[in-house]
Amino acid sequence: MSVIATPSGLIIAECSFGQARYDQVELSDATGHAAARIFGPPRWRVSIRSHQALPLAQAAIWDAMLLQLRGGINHLSFGDPVRKVPLGTMRGTLTLNGAHSAGAVSLSVTGGAGQASTTLKTGDWLQIGTGLGTSQLVKVMADATANGSGVIALTIEPPLRTAFSGGAAVTWNAPIGYFKQTSEPLWNYAPGRSAGGFAADLLESWT
């Protein structure tokens, strides 16, 4: 099992993000009461599509990436191709400010005094930790501003899957998650001229 990096030259025509959830909802026909049980943490879902007609050199980037995934065997490291950096102004070297437990949706992040009064905005992506199985891709749920010491209090989704220690890296520049392919893609050729119709449906996987 290997991790395949998203090629830097990959041109994506369409990208969709969503969540796969593993909840069961029980409804009472007598009272209308609803009770939800969570059977597993949510996972990010991604679908990417190419343009319908690509030069053969660009098509080669797509088919090499898809073939190296070997179906559902290897992981693709992938991040949002549009929101690569925060809309907020917080930059620099960010870390978790103290230990955080599994299930937490509140984070304390520090960038040092140089990040005082900087911001993170609703919808900004962050990667907590590094590496397959030891990191998590999350979204900021509300605008926040760092205090005078450069500490910012954030609300995030989804909840942390595992505990993270204080000082764990928090990546704001091109954060990534790890995904496995769930589809069996086909693509089209116009012999000698172009190829297109590349696509991949991906589901977050950390093992």
N, C-alpha and C. Protein backbone atom coordinates (compact mmCIF):
# COMPACT_ATOMS: atom_id res chain seq x y z
N MET A 1 0.85 -1.20 0.00
CA MET A 1 0.00 0.00 0.00
C MET A 1 0.88 1.24 0.00
N SER A 2 0.59 2.16 -0.91
CA SER A 2 1.39 3.37 -1.06
C SER A 2 0.49 4.59 -1.06
N VAL A 3 1.10 5.75 -0.85
CA VAL A 3 0.40 7.03 -0.97
C VAL A 3 0.84 7.69 -2.27
N ILE A 4 -0.12 7.99 -3.13
CA ILE A 4 0.14 8.65 -4.41
C ILE A 4 -0.19 10.12 -4.24
N ALA A 5 0.75 10.98 -4.53
CA ALA A 5 0.50 12.42 -4.44
C ALA A 5 -0.27 12.89 -5.66
N THR A 6 -1.21 13.80 -5.46
CA THR A 6 -1.91 14.39 -6.60
C THR A 6 -0.90 15.11 -7.48
N PRO A 7 -0.82 14.77 -8.76
CA PRO A 7 0.19 15.40 -9.62
C PRO A 7 0.02 16.91 -9.69
N SER A 8 1.13 17.62 -9.64
CA SER A 8 1.07 19.09 -9.65
C SER A 8 0.50 19.62 -10.96
N GLY A 9 0.65 18.87 -12.04
CA GLY A 9 0.17 19.35 -13.34
C GLY A 9 -1.24 18.90 -13.68
N LEU A 10 -1.93 18.27 -12.73
CA LEU A 10 -3.28 17.77 -13.01
C LEU A 10 -4.25 18.93 -13.18
N ILE A 11 -4.98 18.94 -14.28
CA ILE A 11 -6.01 19.97 -14.53
C ILE A 11 -7.37 19.35 -14.26
N ILE A 12 -8.10 19.89 -13.29
CA ILE A 12 -9.41 19.37 -12.87
C ILE A 12 -10.49 20.31 -13.38
N ALA A 13 -11.45 19.75 -14.10
CA ALA A 13 -12.55 20.57 -14.61
C ALA A 13 -13.64 20.75 -13.56
N GLU A 14 -13.94 19.71 -12.79
CA GLU A 14 -14.97 19.76 -11.77
C GLU A 14 -14.50 19.00 -10.54
N CYS A 15 -14.81 19.54 -9.37
CA CYS A 15 -14.48 18.89 -8.11
C CYS A 15 -15.63 19.07 -7.14
N SER A 16 -16.10 17.97 -6.57
CA SER A 16 -17.19 18.02 -5.59
C SER A 16 -16.71 17.42 -4.27
N PHE A 17 -16.99 18.12 -3.17
CA PHE A 17 -16.70 17.62 -1.83
C PHE A 17 -18.01 17.33 -1.11
N GLY A 18 -17.99 16.35 -0.25
CA GLY A 18 -19.15 16.06 0.59
C GLY A 18 -18.70 15.18 1.74
N GLN A 19 -19.68 14.66 2.49
CA GLN A 19 -19.40 13.77 3.61
C GLN A 19 -20.17 12.48 3.45
N ALA A 20 -19.53 11.40 3.79
CA ALA A 20 -20.22 10.13 3.99
C ALA A 20 -20.42 9.96 5.49
N ARG A 21 -21.65 9.72 5.90
CA ARG A 21 -21.95 9.59 7.32
C ARG A 21 -22.45 8.19 7.61
N TYR A 22 -22.20 7.74 8.83
CA TYR A 22 -22.53 6.39 9.25
C TYR A 22 -23.44 6.45 10.47
N ASP A 23 -24.57 7.13 10.28
CA ASP A 23 -25.56 7.31 11.34
C ASP A 23 -26.79 6.45 11.03
N GLN A 24 -27.45 6.00 12.07
CA GLN A 24 -28.74 5.35 11.93
C GLN A 24 -29.76 6.15 12.72
N VAL A 25 -30.84 6.54 12.06
CA VAL A 25 -31.88 7.33 12.71
C VAL A 25 -33.11 6.46 12.92
N GLU A 26 -33.60 6.40 14.15
CA GLU A 26 -34.80 5.65 14.49
C GLU A 26 -35.92 6.64 14.78
N LEU A 27 -37.06 6.44 14.13
CA LEU A 27 -38.21 7.34 14.26
C LEU A 27 -39.36 6.61 14.94
N SER A 28 -40.03 7.31 15.86
CA SER A 28 -41.22 6.76 16.50
C SER A 28 -42.46 7.23 15.75
N ASP A 29 -43.25 6.28 15.25
CA ASP A 29 -44.48 6.68 14.55
C ASP A 29 -45.55 7.20 15.53
N ALA A 30 -45.39 6.88 16.81
CA ALA A 30 -46.38 7.32 17.79
C ALA A 30 -46.10 8.74 18.29
N THR A 31 -44.84 9.03 18.57
CA THR A 31 -44.51 10.33 19.18
C THR A 31 -43.77 11.27 18.24
N GLY A 32 -43.25 10.74 17.15
CA GLY A 32 -42.45 11.58 16.26
C GLY A 32 -41.02 11.77 16.72
N HIS A 33 -40.67 11.14 17.84
CA HIS A 33 -39.31 11.29 18.37
C HIS A 33 -38.31 10.64 17.43
N ALA A 34 -37.17 11.28 17.24
CA ALA A 34 -36.09 10.74 16.43
C ALA A 34 -34.85 10.57 17.28
N ALA A 35 -34.21 9.43 17.15
CA ALA A 35 -32.97 9.16 17.88
C ALA A 35 -31.93 8.70 16.89
N ALA A 36 -30.75 9.30 16.95
CA ALA A 36 -29.67 8.97 16.02
C ALA A 36 -28.56 8.24 16.75
N ARG A 37 -28.05 7.20 16.12
CA ARG A 37 -26.90 6.48 16.63
C ARG A 37 -25.77 6.61 15.61
N ILE A 38 -24.58 6.89 16.10
CA ILE A 38 -23.43 7.06 15.23
C ILE A 38 -22.61 5.78 15.26
N PHE A 39 -22.43 5.17 14.10
CA PHE A 39 -21.70 3.90 14.01
C PHE A 39 -20.26 4.08 13.56
N GLY A 40 -19.88 5.28 13.21
CA GLY A 40 -18.50 5.52 12.81
C GLY A 40 -18.31 6.98 12.47
N PRO A 41 -17.07 7.46 12.49
CA PRO A 41 -16.83 8.87 12.17
C PRO A 41 -17.13 9.16 10.72
N PRO A 42 -17.59 10.37 10.42
CA PRO A 42 -17.83 10.72 9.02
C PRO A 42 -16.53 10.77 8.24
N ARG A 43 -16.66 10.61 6.93
CA ARG A 43 -15.49 10.66 6.05
C ARG A 43 -15.77 11.65 4.92
N TRP A 44 -14.72 12.34 4.50
CA TRP A 44 -14.85 13.21 3.34
C TRP A 44 -14.99 12.37 2.08
N ARG A 45 -15.86 12.83 1.19
CA ARG A 45 -16.02 12.24 -0.14
C ARG A 45 -15.62 13.27 -1.17
N VAL A 46 -14.98 12.83 -2.24
CA VAL A 46 -14.55 13.72 -3.31
C VAL A 46 -14.84 13.06 -4.65
N SER A 47 -15.33 13.86 -5.59
CA SER A 47 -15.42 13.43 -6.98
C SER A 47 -14.69 14.45 -7.84
N ILE A 48 -13.82 13.98 -8.70
CA ILE A 48 -13.11 14.87 -9.61
C ILE A 48 -13.33 14.42 -11.04
N ARG A 49 -13.39 15.39 -11.94
CA ARG A 49 -13.64 15.13 -13.36
C ARG A 49 -12.69 15.95 -14.20
N SER A 50 -12.28 15.37 -15.32
CA SER A 50 -11.45 16.11 -16.26
C SER A 50 -12.33 16.79 -17.31
N HIS A 51 -11.72 17.62 -18.12
CA HIS A 51 -12.39 18.11 -19.31
C HIS A 51 -12.65 16.95 -20.27
N GLN A 52 -13.60 17.13 -21.16
CA GLN A 52 -13.97 16.05 -22.07
C GLN A 52 -12.93 15.80 -23.15
N ALA A 53 -12.13 16.81 -23.47
CA ALA A 53 -11.09 16.63 -24.48
C ALA A 53 -9.79 17.24 -23.95
N LEU A 54 -8.77 16.40 -23.80
CA LEU A 54 -7.48 16.83 -23.27
C LEU A 54 -6.38 16.49 -24.27
N PRO A 55 -5.34 17.33 -24.34
CA PRO A 55 -4.15 16.91 -25.08
C PRO A 55 -3.62 15.60 -24.50
N LEU A 56 -2.99 14.81 -25.33
CA LEU A 56 -2.54 13.50 -24.86
C LEU A 56 -1.57 13.61 -23.69
N ALA A 57 -0.75 14.67 -23.64
CA ALA A 57 0.18 14.82 -22.52
C ALA A 57 -0.56 15.03 -21.21
N GLN A 58 -1.64 15.81 -21.20
CA GLN A 58 -2.43 16.00 -19.99
C GLN A 58 -3.22 14.74 -19.65
N ALA A 59 -3.72 14.05 -20.67
CA ALA A 59 -4.43 12.79 -20.44
C ALA A 59 -3.51 11.77 -19.77
N ALA A 60 -2.24 11.79 -20.13
CA ALA A 60 -1.29 10.84 -19.53
C ALA A 60 -1.13 11.07 -18.04
N ILE A 61 -1.23 12.33 -17.59
CA ILE A 61 -1.14 12.62 -16.15
C ILE A 61 -2.32 11.99 -15.43
N TRP A 62 -3.52 12.13 -16.03
CA TRP A 62 -4.71 11.54 -15.43
C TRP A 62 -4.62 10.02 -15.36
N ASP A 63 -4.30 9.39 -16.51
CA ASP A 63 -4.35 7.92 -16.47
C ASP A 63 -3.24 7.34 -15.61
N ALA A 64 -2.07 8.00 -15.53
CA ALA A 64 -1.03 7.51 -14.64
C ALA A 64 -1.47 7.58 -13.18
N MET A 65 -2.14 8.68 -12.80
CA MET A 65 -2.62 8.82 -11.42
C MET A 65 -3.64 7.73 -11.10
N LEU A 66 -4.61 7.56 -11.99
CA LEU A 66 -5.67 6.60 -11.72
C LEU A 66 -5.14 5.16 -11.68
N LEU A 67 -4.23 4.84 -12.58
CA LEU A 67 -3.70 3.48 -12.60
C LEU A 67 -2.84 3.20 -11.37
N GLN A 68 -2.11 4.20 -10.89
CA GLN A 68 -1.27 3.99 -9.71
C GLN A 68 -2.09 3.79 -8.44
N LEU A 69 -3.35 4.25 -8.44
CA LEU A 69 -4.20 4.01 -7.28
C LEU A 69 -4.56 2.53 -7.14
N ARG A 70 -4.45 1.77 -8.25
CA ARG A 70 -4.71 0.33 -8.24
C ARG A 70 -6.05 0.01 -7.61
N GLY A 71 -7.08 0.67 -8.16
CA GLY A 71 -8.41 0.48 -7.59
C GLY A 71 -8.46 1.07 -6.20
N GLY A 72 -8.81 0.24 -5.22
CA GLY A 72 -8.92 0.71 -3.85
C GLY A 72 -7.74 0.33 -2.98
N ILE A 73 -6.59 0.04 -3.60
CA ILE A 73 -5.44 -0.41 -2.82
C ILE A 73 -4.64 0.76 -2.26
N ASN A 74 -4.24 1.69 -3.13
CA ASN A 74 -3.38 2.80 -2.71
C ASN A 74 -4.20 4.03 -2.36
N HIS A 75 -3.59 4.93 -1.61
CA HIS A 75 -4.22 6.18 -1.20
C HIS A 75 -3.80 7.32 -2.13
N LEU A 76 -4.69 8.27 -2.32
CA LEU A 76 -4.37 9.52 -2.99
C LEU A 76 -4.37 10.64 -1.96
N SER A 77 -3.27 11.37 -1.85
CA SER A 77 -3.27 12.55 -1.00
C SER A 77 -3.86 13.70 -1.82
N PHE A 78 -4.91 14.31 -1.29
CA PHE A 78 -5.68 15.27 -2.10
C PHE A 78 -6.22 16.37 -1.19
N GLY A 79 -6.19 17.59 -1.72
CA GLY A 79 -6.77 18.74 -1.03
C GLY A 79 -7.64 19.55 -1.97
N ASP A 80 -8.43 20.42 -1.42
CA ASP A 80 -9.34 21.25 -2.20
C ASP A 80 -8.53 22.05 -3.24
N PRO A 81 -8.80 21.89 -4.53
CA PRO A 81 -8.01 22.61 -5.53
C PRO A 81 -8.34 24.09 -5.63
N VAL A 82 -9.44 24.53 -5.00
CA VAL A 82 -9.85 25.93 -5.05
C VAL A 82 -9.44 26.67 -3.79
N ARG A 83 -9.76 26.12 -2.62
CA ARG A 83 -9.44 26.77 -1.35
C ARG A 83 -8.15 26.17 -0.79
N LYS A 84 -7.03 26.48 -1.44
CA LYS A 84 -5.75 25.94 -1.03
C LYS A 84 -5.18 26.65 0.19
N VAL A 85 -5.56 27.89 0.39
CA VAL A 85 -5.11 28.66 1.56
C VAL A 85 -6.34 29.29 2.21
N PRO A 86 -6.27 29.65 3.49
CA PRO A 86 -7.43 30.21 4.17
C PRO A 86 -7.87 31.55 3.59
N LEU A 87 -9.16 31.83 3.69
CA LEU A 87 -9.65 33.17 3.43
C LEU A 87 -9.22 34.11 4.54
N GLY A 88 -9.04 33.57 5.74
CA GLY A 88 -8.52 34.36 6.84
C GLY A 88 -7.06 34.71 6.63
N THR A 89 -6.51 35.50 7.55
CA THR A 89 -5.16 36.05 7.39
C THR A 89 -4.10 35.30 8.19
N MET A 90 -4.48 34.30 8.97
CA MET A 90 -3.51 33.60 9.80
C MET A 90 -2.56 32.78 8.93
N ARG A 91 -1.26 32.94 9.18
CA ARG A 91 -0.24 32.25 8.40
C ARG A 91 0.85 31.78 9.35
N GLY A 92 2.05 31.61 8.87
CA GLY A 92 3.15 31.23 9.74
C GLY A 92 3.11 29.76 10.12
N THR A 93 3.86 29.43 11.16
CA THR A 93 3.92 28.05 11.67
C THR A 93 2.88 27.89 12.76
N LEU A 94 1.87 27.06 12.49
CA LEU A 94 0.76 26.88 13.43
C LEU A 94 0.88 25.51 14.09
N THR A 95 0.52 25.45 15.37
CA THR A 95 0.50 24.19 16.12
C THR A 95 -0.69 24.19 17.06
N LEU A 96 -1.05 23.00 17.53
CA LEU A 96 -2.09 22.90 18.55
C LEU A 96 -1.57 23.45 19.87
N ASN A 97 -2.42 24.25 20.50
CA ASN A 97 -2.08 24.85 21.79
C ASN A 97 -2.61 23.95 22.90
N GLY A 98 -1.85 22.93 23.26
CA GLY A 98 -2.30 21.97 24.27
C GLY A 98 -2.86 20.72 23.63
N ALA A 99 -3.04 19.69 24.46
CA ALA A 99 -3.57 18.41 24.00
C ALA A 99 -5.06 18.53 23.70
N HIS A 100 -5.53 17.74 22.73
CA HIS A 100 -6.94 17.71 22.35
C HIS A 100 -7.40 16.26 22.30
N SER A 101 -8.58 16.01 22.84
CA SER A 101 -9.11 14.65 22.94
C SER A 101 -9.88 14.26 21.68
N ALA A 102 -9.98 12.96 21.45
CA ALA A 102 -10.84 12.46 20.38
C ALA A 102 -12.27 12.93 20.62
N GLY A 103 -12.94 13.34 19.56
CA GLY A 103 -14.31 13.84 19.66
C GLY A 103 -14.40 15.34 19.81
N ALA A 104 -13.26 16.02 19.99
CA ALA A 104 -13.28 17.47 20.17
C ALA A 104 -13.72 18.18 18.89
N VAL A 105 -14.53 19.22 19.06
CA VAL A 105 -14.90 20.10 17.94
C VAL A 105 -14.44 21.53 18.21
N SER A 106 -13.74 21.73 19.31
CA SER A 106 -13.15 23.02 19.64
C SER A 106 -11.64 22.86 19.66
N LEU A 107 -10.94 23.70 18.92
CA LEU A 107 -9.49 23.64 18.85
C LEU A 107 -8.90 24.94 19.35
N SER A 108 -7.75 24.83 19.99
CA SER A 108 -6.94 25.99 20.33
C SER A 108 -5.65 25.87 19.53
N VAL A 109 -5.42 26.84 18.66
CA VAL A 109 -4.28 26.82 17.76
C VAL A 109 -3.44 28.06 18.02
N THR A 110 -2.13 27.90 17.98
CA THR A 110 -1.26 29.05 18.21
C THR A 110 -0.29 29.25 17.06
N GLY A 111 -0.06 30.51 16.74
CA GLY A 111 0.93 30.86 15.74
C GLY A 111 2.00 31.76 16.32
N GLY A 112 1.98 31.99 17.63
CA GLY A 112 2.94 32.89 18.25
C GLY A 112 2.49 34.33 18.16
N ALA A 113 3.19 35.20 18.87
CA ALA A 113 2.77 36.60 18.99
C ALA A 113 2.70 37.31 17.64
N GLY A 114 3.47 36.84 16.67
CA GLY A 114 3.43 37.46 15.36
C GLY A 114 2.11 37.28 14.64
N GLN A 115 1.25 36.38 15.12
CA GLN A 115 -0.05 36.14 14.51
C GLN A 115 -1.19 36.80 15.29
N ALA A 116 -0.87 37.68 16.22
CA ALA A 116 -1.91 38.38 16.97
C ALA A 116 -2.87 39.10 16.02
N SER A 117 -4.15 38.96 16.32
CA SER A 117 -5.25 39.63 15.58
C SER A 117 -5.45 39.10 14.16
N THR A 118 -4.75 38.03 13.77
CA THR A 118 -5.03 37.43 12.47
C THR A 118 -6.29 36.57 12.60
N THR A 119 -6.80 36.13 11.47
CA THR A 119 -8.12 35.48 11.45
C THR A 119 -8.09 34.16 10.69
N LEU A 120 -9.08 33.32 11.01
CA LEU A 120 -9.47 32.20 10.17
C LEU A 120 -10.97 32.33 9.94
N LYS A 121 -11.40 31.97 8.72
CA LYS A 121 -12.77 32.22 8.31
C LYS A 121 -13.55 30.92 8.15
N THR A 122 -14.86 31.05 8.24
CA THR A 122 -15.75 29.92 8.03
C THR A 122 -15.44 29.26 6.68
N GLY A 123 -15.26 27.95 6.71
CA GLY A 123 -14.98 27.21 5.49
C GLY A 123 -13.52 26.99 5.20
N ASP A 124 -12.62 27.63 5.96
CA ASP A 124 -11.19 27.40 5.75
C ASP A 124 -10.85 25.95 6.12
N TRP A 125 -9.97 25.36 5.32
CA TRP A 125 -9.49 24.00 5.59
C TRP A 125 -8.23 24.05 6.46
N LEU A 126 -8.09 23.05 7.35
CA LEU A 126 -6.86 22.85 8.12
C LEU A 126 -6.57 21.36 8.16
N GLN A 127 -5.30 21.03 8.22
CA GLN A 127 -4.87 19.65 8.42
C GLN A 127 -4.21 19.56 9.78
N ILE A 128 -4.77 18.73 10.64
CA ILE A 128 -4.23 18.55 11.98
C ILE A 128 -3.31 17.34 11.97
N GLY A 129 -2.05 17.53 12.37
CA GLY A 129 -1.08 16.45 12.31
C GLY A 129 -0.56 16.26 10.89
N THR A 130 0.27 15.25 10.73
CA THR A 130 0.85 14.94 9.42
C THR A 130 0.85 13.44 9.20
N GLY A 131 0.73 13.05 7.93
CA GLY A 131 0.90 11.65 7.57
C GLY A 131 -0.38 10.84 7.59
N LEU A 132 -0.35 9.73 6.86
CA LEU A 132 -1.48 8.81 6.77
C LEU A 132 -1.73 8.16 8.12
N GLY A 133 -2.96 8.27 8.61
CA GLY A 133 -3.33 7.67 9.88
C GLY A 133 -3.02 8.51 11.09
N THR A 134 -2.24 9.58 10.90
CA THR A 134 -1.85 10.43 12.03
C THR A 134 -2.19 11.89 11.75
N SER A 135 -3.11 12.13 10.83
CA SER A 135 -3.55 13.49 10.53
C SER A 135 -5.03 13.46 10.21
N GLN A 136 -5.63 14.65 10.18
CA GLN A 136 -7.05 14.76 9.87
C GLN A 136 -7.33 16.08 9.18
N LEU A 137 -8.17 16.03 8.15
CA LEU A 137 -8.58 17.21 7.40
C LEU A 137 -9.90 17.73 7.97
N VAL A 138 -9.92 19.00 8.40
CA VAL A 138 -11.11 19.57 9.03
C VAL A 138 -11.42 20.93 8.42
N LYS A 139 -12.66 21.38 8.64
CA LYS A 139 -13.11 22.70 8.19
C LYS A 139 -13.45 23.57 9.39
N VAL A 140 -13.11 24.84 9.28
CA VAL A 140 -13.46 25.83 10.30
C VAL A 140 -14.94 26.18 10.15
N MET A 141 -15.66 26.20 11.28
CA MET A 141 -17.10 26.39 11.25
C MET A 141 -17.57 27.80 11.59
N ALA A 142 -16.68 28.66 12.07
CA ALA A 142 -17.07 30.03 12.41
C ALA A 142 -15.84 30.92 12.35
N ASP A 143 -16.05 32.17 11.94
CA ASP A 143 -14.95 33.14 11.90
C ASP A 143 -14.34 33.27 13.30
N ALA A 144 -13.02 33.40 13.35
CA ALA A 144 -12.33 33.54 14.64
C ALA A 144 -11.13 34.45 14.47
N THR A 145 -10.74 35.11 15.58
CA THR A 145 -9.62 36.04 15.58
C THR A 145 -8.65 35.66 16.68
N ALA A 146 -7.36 35.66 16.37
CA ALA A 146 -6.33 35.32 17.36
C ALA A 146 -6.20 36.43 18.40
N ASN A 147 -5.88 36.03 19.63
CA ASN A 147 -5.67 37.02 20.69
C ASN A 147 -4.27 37.63 20.58
N GLY A 148 -3.89 38.43 21.54
CA GLY A 148 -2.62 39.12 21.49
C GLY A 148 -1.41 38.21 21.54
N SER A 149 -1.61 36.98 21.98
CA SER A 149 -0.51 36.00 22.02
C SER A 149 -0.48 35.13 20.77
N GLY A 150 -1.40 35.40 19.85
CA GLY A 150 -1.45 34.59 18.62
C GLY A 150 -2.16 33.27 18.79
N VAL A 151 -3.01 33.14 19.82
CA VAL A 151 -3.79 31.92 20.05
C VAL A 151 -5.20 32.16 19.52
N ILE A 152 -5.70 31.21 18.75
CA ILE A 152 -7.02 31.35 18.16
C ILE A 152 -7.88 30.16 18.57
N ALA A 153 -9.12 30.40 18.97
CA ALA A 153 -10.07 29.36 19.37
C ALA A 153 -10.99 29.08 18.20
N LEU A 154 -11.03 27.82 17.78
CA LEU A 154 -11.77 27.45 16.58
C LEU A 154 -12.82 26.40 16.88
N THR A 155 -13.91 26.45 16.11
CA THR A 155 -14.88 25.35 16.06
C THR A 155 -14.71 24.67 14.72
N ILE A 156 -14.62 23.34 14.73
CA ILE A 156 -14.33 22.61 13.49
C ILE A 156 -15.31 21.45 13.31
N GLU A 157 -15.39 20.97 12.10
CA GLU A 157 -16.08 19.73 11.75
C GLU A 157 -15.21 19.01 10.73
N PRO A 158 -15.23 17.68 10.73
CA PRO A 158 -15.86 16.81 11.71
C PRO A 158 -15.06 16.77 13.01
N PRO A 159 -15.61 16.15 14.05
CA PRO A 159 -14.87 16.03 15.30
C PRO A 159 -13.56 15.27 15.10
N LEU A 160 -12.61 15.52 15.99
CA LEU A 160 -11.34 14.80 15.90
C LEU A 160 -11.58 13.30 16.09
N ARG A 161 -10.98 12.52 15.19
CA ARG A 161 -11.13 11.06 15.27
C ARG A 161 -10.28 10.47 16.38
N THR A 162 -9.12 11.09 16.62
CA THR A 162 -8.18 10.60 17.62
C THR A 162 -7.69 11.77 18.46
N ALA A 163 -7.01 11.47 19.53
CA ALA A 163 -6.40 12.52 20.35
C ALA A 163 -5.14 13.04 19.65
N PHE A 164 -4.85 14.32 19.84
CA PHE A 164 -3.64 14.95 19.33
C PHE A 164 -2.93 15.64 20.49
N SER A 165 -1.63 15.54 20.50
CA SER A 165 -0.86 16.16 21.57
C SER A 165 -0.60 17.62 21.28
N GLY A 166 -0.32 18.40 22.33
CA GLY A 166 0.05 19.78 22.15
C GLY A 166 1.30 19.89 21.29
N GLY A 167 1.34 20.88 20.44
CA GLY A 167 2.47 21.05 19.53
C GLY A 167 2.31 20.35 18.20
N ALA A 168 1.21 19.58 18.03
CA ALA A 168 0.99 18.92 16.74
C ALA A 168 0.86 19.97 15.65
N ALA A 169 1.40 19.68 14.49
CA ALA A 169 1.39 20.62 13.38
C ALA A 169 -0.04 20.88 12.91
N VAL A 170 -0.31 22.13 12.55
CA VAL A 170 -1.58 22.52 11.94
C VAL A 170 -1.24 23.19 10.60
N THR A 171 -1.60 22.53 9.52
CA THR A 171 -1.23 22.98 8.18
C THR A 171 -2.36 23.80 7.57
N TRP A 172 -2.03 25.03 7.12
CA TRP A 172 -3.02 25.89 6.47
C TRP A 172 -2.76 26.01 4.97
N ASN A 173 -1.54 25.72 4.55
CA ASN A 173 -1.16 25.88 3.15
C ASN A 173 -1.31 24.53 2.43
N ALA A 174 -2.34 24.44 1.57
CA ALA A 174 -2.63 23.21 0.82
C ALA A 174 -2.78 22.00 1.73
N PRO A 175 -3.67 22.06 2.73
CA PRO A 175 -3.89 20.90 3.58
C PRO A 175 -4.49 19.75 2.78
N ILE A 176 -4.20 18.53 3.19
CA ILE A 176 -4.65 17.36 2.44
C ILE A 176 -5.31 16.34 3.36
N GLY A 177 -6.09 15.48 2.74
CA GLY A 177 -6.58 14.26 3.36
C GLY A 177 -6.10 13.09 2.52
N TYR A 178 -6.42 11.90 2.96
CA TYR A 178 -5.99 10.68 2.27
C TYR A 178 -7.23 9.90 1.84
N PHE A 179 -7.26 9.52 0.57
CA PHE A 179 -8.47 8.98 -0.04
C PHE A 179 -8.18 7.71 -0.82
N LYS A 180 -9.19 6.84 -0.89
CA LYS A 180 -9.13 5.67 -1.75
C LYS A 180 -10.23 5.77 -2.81
N GLN A 181 -9.91 5.21 -3.96
CA GLN A 181 -10.84 5.23 -5.09
C GLN A 181 -11.97 4.24 -4.86
N THR A 182 -13.19 4.66 -5.12
CA THR A 182 -14.35 3.78 -4.94
C THR A 182 -15.04 3.44 -6.26
N SER A 183 -14.56 4.02 -7.37
CA SER A 183 -15.15 3.76 -8.67
C SER A 183 -14.15 3.03 -9.55
N GLU A 184 -14.63 2.54 -10.68
CA GLU A 184 -13.77 1.90 -11.68
C GLU A 184 -13.84 2.76 -12.94
N PRO A 185 -12.96 3.74 -13.05
CA PRO A 185 -13.11 4.74 -14.11
C PRO A 185 -12.79 4.20 -15.50
N LEU A 186 -13.48 4.79 -16.47
CA LEU A 186 -13.20 4.60 -17.89
C LEU A 186 -12.95 5.97 -18.49
N TRP A 187 -12.18 6.01 -19.56
CA TRP A 187 -11.98 7.28 -20.25
C TRP A 187 -12.04 7.07 -21.75
N ASN A 188 -12.18 8.16 -22.46
CA ASN A 188 -12.45 8.11 -23.89
C ASN A 188 -11.24 8.57 -24.69
N TYR A 189 -11.03 7.94 -25.84
CA TYR A 189 -9.97 8.34 -26.74
C TYR A 189 -10.53 8.74 -28.09
N ALA A 190 -9.98 9.82 -28.64
CA ALA A 190 -10.12 10.14 -30.05
C ALA A 190 -8.74 9.85 -30.64
N PRO A 191 -8.54 8.69 -31.25
CA PRO A 191 -7.19 8.20 -31.55
C PRO A 191 -6.30 9.25 -32.22
N GLY A 192 -5.10 9.41 -31.60
CA GLY A 192 -4.10 10.28 -32.15
C GLY A 192 -4.29 11.75 -31.88
N ARG A 193 -5.45 12.13 -31.29
CA ARG A 193 -5.72 13.56 -31.12
C ARG A 193 -5.89 13.96 -29.66
N SER A 194 -6.79 13.30 -28.96
CA SER A 194 -7.08 13.72 -27.59
C SER A 194 -7.71 12.57 -26.82
N ALA A 195 -7.82 12.78 -25.52
CA ALA A 195 -8.52 11.84 -24.64
C ALA A 195 -9.26 12.66 -23.60
N GLY A 196 -10.26 12.06 -22.95
CA GLY A 196 -11.01 12.80 -21.95
C GLY A 196 -11.97 11.90 -21.21
N GLY A 197 -12.82 12.55 -20.40
CA GLY A 197 -13.78 11.80 -19.63
C GLY A 197 -13.19 11.09 -18.43
N PHE A 198 -12.01 11.54 -17.97
CA PHE A 198 -11.41 10.95 -16.77
C PHE A 198 -12.21 11.36 -15.54
N ALA A 199 -12.32 10.45 -14.58
CA ALA A 199 -13.06 10.76 -13.36
C ALA A 199 -12.59 9.84 -12.25
N ALA A 200 -12.74 10.31 -11.03
CA ALA A 200 -12.44 9.48 -9.86
C ALA A 200 -13.40 9.84 -8.74
N ASP A 201 -13.99 8.84 -8.14
CA ASP A 201 -14.80 8.99 -6.94
C ASP A 201 -13.96 8.46 -5.77
N LEU A 202 -13.79 9.30 -4.75
CA LEU A 202 -12.84 9.02 -3.69
C LEU A 202 -13.51 9.11 -2.32
N LEU A 203 -13.07 8.25 -1.40
CA LEU A 203 -13.58 8.24 -0.03
C LEU A 203 -12.40 8.28 0.92
N GLU A 204 -12.49 9.18 1.91
CA GLU A 204 -11.40 9.32 2.86
C GLU A 204 -11.12 8.00 3.58
N SER A 205 -9.84 7.68 3.70
CA SER A 205 -9.43 6.46 4.39
C SER A 205 -8.12 6.72 5.10
N TRP A 206 -8.03 6.38 6.36
CA TRP A 206 -6.82 6.68 7.15
C TRP A 206 -6.12 5.40 7.61
N THR A 207 -6.45 4.28 7.01
CA THR A 207 -5.74 3.03 7.31
C THR A 207 -5.35 2.34 6.03
